[in-house]
Amino acid sequence: MQRPAIIDATNAARNERNIQDAMKIGILADRRGWHVEALAEALARRRCQADFLPITRLVARVPGNPLVTIIGQPLESYDALLIRTIPE
């Protein structure tokens, strides 16, 4: 079984969407663990683009444009954001 790739936010600007009109979903998490991989696999089965966004890199600016970014990616560019933290 081929595993879907999670695109790092650092590379998201350079990567084109593989599927036209795919939903772009950001997964905010403290690390890329099994829970992020499982979510990315489920999203890929639904033909969604899943980007891993390290929550520790979240930046907010008041005033600012864009207001909230992670590694230079404006959060407004995502169709949905999912927060995933699973205690060890």
Protein backbone atom coordinates (compact mmCIF):
# COMPACT_ATOMS: atom_id res chain seq x y z
CA MET A 1 0.00 0.00 0.00
CA GLN A 2 1.43 3.34 -1.03
CA ARG A 3 1.42 5.98 1.70
CA PRO A 4 0.34 9.53 0.81
CA ALA A 5 2.90 12.24 1.23
CA ILE A 6 2.32 15.04 3.69
CA ILE A 7 3.61 18.28 2.25
CA ASP A 8 5.61 20.39 4.69
CA ALA A 9 4.47 24.00 4.87
CA THR A 10 8.01 25.04 3.96
CA ASN A 11 7.55 23.39 0.55
CA ALA A 12 3.85 24.11 0.06
CA ALA A 13 4.45 27.32 -1.90
CA ARG A 14 6.71 25.45 -4.35
CA ASN A 15 4.39 22.47 -4.79
CA GLU A 16 1.45 22.57 -7.15
CA ARG A 17 -1.74 20.79 -6.19
CA ASN A 18 -1.69 17.25 -7.56
CA ILE A 19 -5.44 17.17 -7.98
CA GLN A 20 -7.36 20.06 -9.52
CA ASP A 21 -9.81 21.69 -7.13
CA ALA A 22 -8.70 19.55 -4.18
CA MET A 23 -9.48 20.87 -0.73
CA LYS A 24 -6.36 22.24 0.92
CA ILE A 25 -6.33 21.20 4.57
CA GLY A 26 -3.74 22.20 7.15
CA ILE A 27 -2.96 19.82 9.99
CA LEU A 28 -1.62 21.74 12.97
CA ALA A 29 0.29 19.48 15.33
CA ASP A 30 3.27 19.59 17.64
CA ARG A 31 4.96 16.72 15.80
CA ARG A 32 4.43 14.45 12.84
CA GLY A 33 3.34 11.26 14.56
CA TRP A 34 1.09 8.32 13.81
CA HIS A 35 -2.00 10.42 14.44
CA VAL A 36 -1.00 12.97 11.78
CA GLU A 37 -0.09 10.23 9.30
CA ALA A 38 -3.44 8.46 9.85
CA LEU A 39 -5.34 11.69 9.30
CA ALA A 40 -3.33 12.48 6.15
CA GLU A 41 -4.09 9.00 4.76
CA ALA A 42 -7.82 9.46 5.39
CA LEU A 43 -7.74 12.89 3.70
CA ALA A 44 -5.82 11.52 0.71
CA ARG A 45 -8.49 8.85 0.22
CA ARG A 46 -10.94 11.74 -0.08
CA ARG A 47 -8.65 13.46 -2.61
CA CYS A 48 -7.66 16.30 -0.27
CA GLN A 49 -4.24 17.93 -0.03
CA ALA A 50 -2.93 17.69 3.54
CA ASP A 51 -0.14 20.00 4.74
CA PHE A 52 1.65 19.40 8.04
CA LEU A 53 1.93 22.70 9.93
CA PRO A 54 4.07 22.70 13.08
CA ILE A 55 1.95 24.44 15.68
CA THR A 56 5.07 25.71 17.45
CA ARG A 57 5.77 27.93 14.41
CA LEU A 58 2.42 29.76 14.57
CA VAL A 59 2.86 33.55 14.25
CA ALA A 60 0.19 36.22 14.77
CA ARG A 61 0.58 39.90 13.92
CA VAL A 62 -1.66 42.74 15.08
CA PRO A 63 -2.11 44.61 12.82
CA GLY A 64 -0.79 42.46 10.05
CA ASN A 65 -1.42 41.12 6.63
CA PRO A 66 -1.68 38.18 6.71
CA LEU A 67 -2.77 38.15 10.31
CA VAL A 68 -1.74 34.55 11.13
CA THR A 69 0.99 32.49 9.43
CA ILE A 70 2.97 29.31 9.92
CA ILE A 71 6.39 29.25 8.24
CA GLY A 72 5.26 32.01 5.91
CA GLN A 73 2.02 30.28 4.88
CA PRO A 74 -1.09 32.39 5.57
CA LEU A 75 -3.72 30.32 7.33
CA GLU A 76 -6.37 31.99 5.15
CA SER A 77 -5.00 30.00 2.19
CA TYR A 78 -6.43 26.76 3.65
CA ASP A 79 -9.98 25.50 3.15
CA ALA A 80 -9.88 23.90 6.61
CA LEU A 81 -7.53 23.62 9.59
CA LEU A 82 -7.40 20.59 11.88
CA ILE A 83 -5.67 20.66 15.27
CA ARG A 84 -4.19 17.30 16.26
CA THR A 85 -2.53 16.70 19.55
CA ILE A 86 -2.45 13.26 21.11
CA PRO A 87 -0.84 12.87 24.55
CA GLU A 88 1.80 10.18 24.81
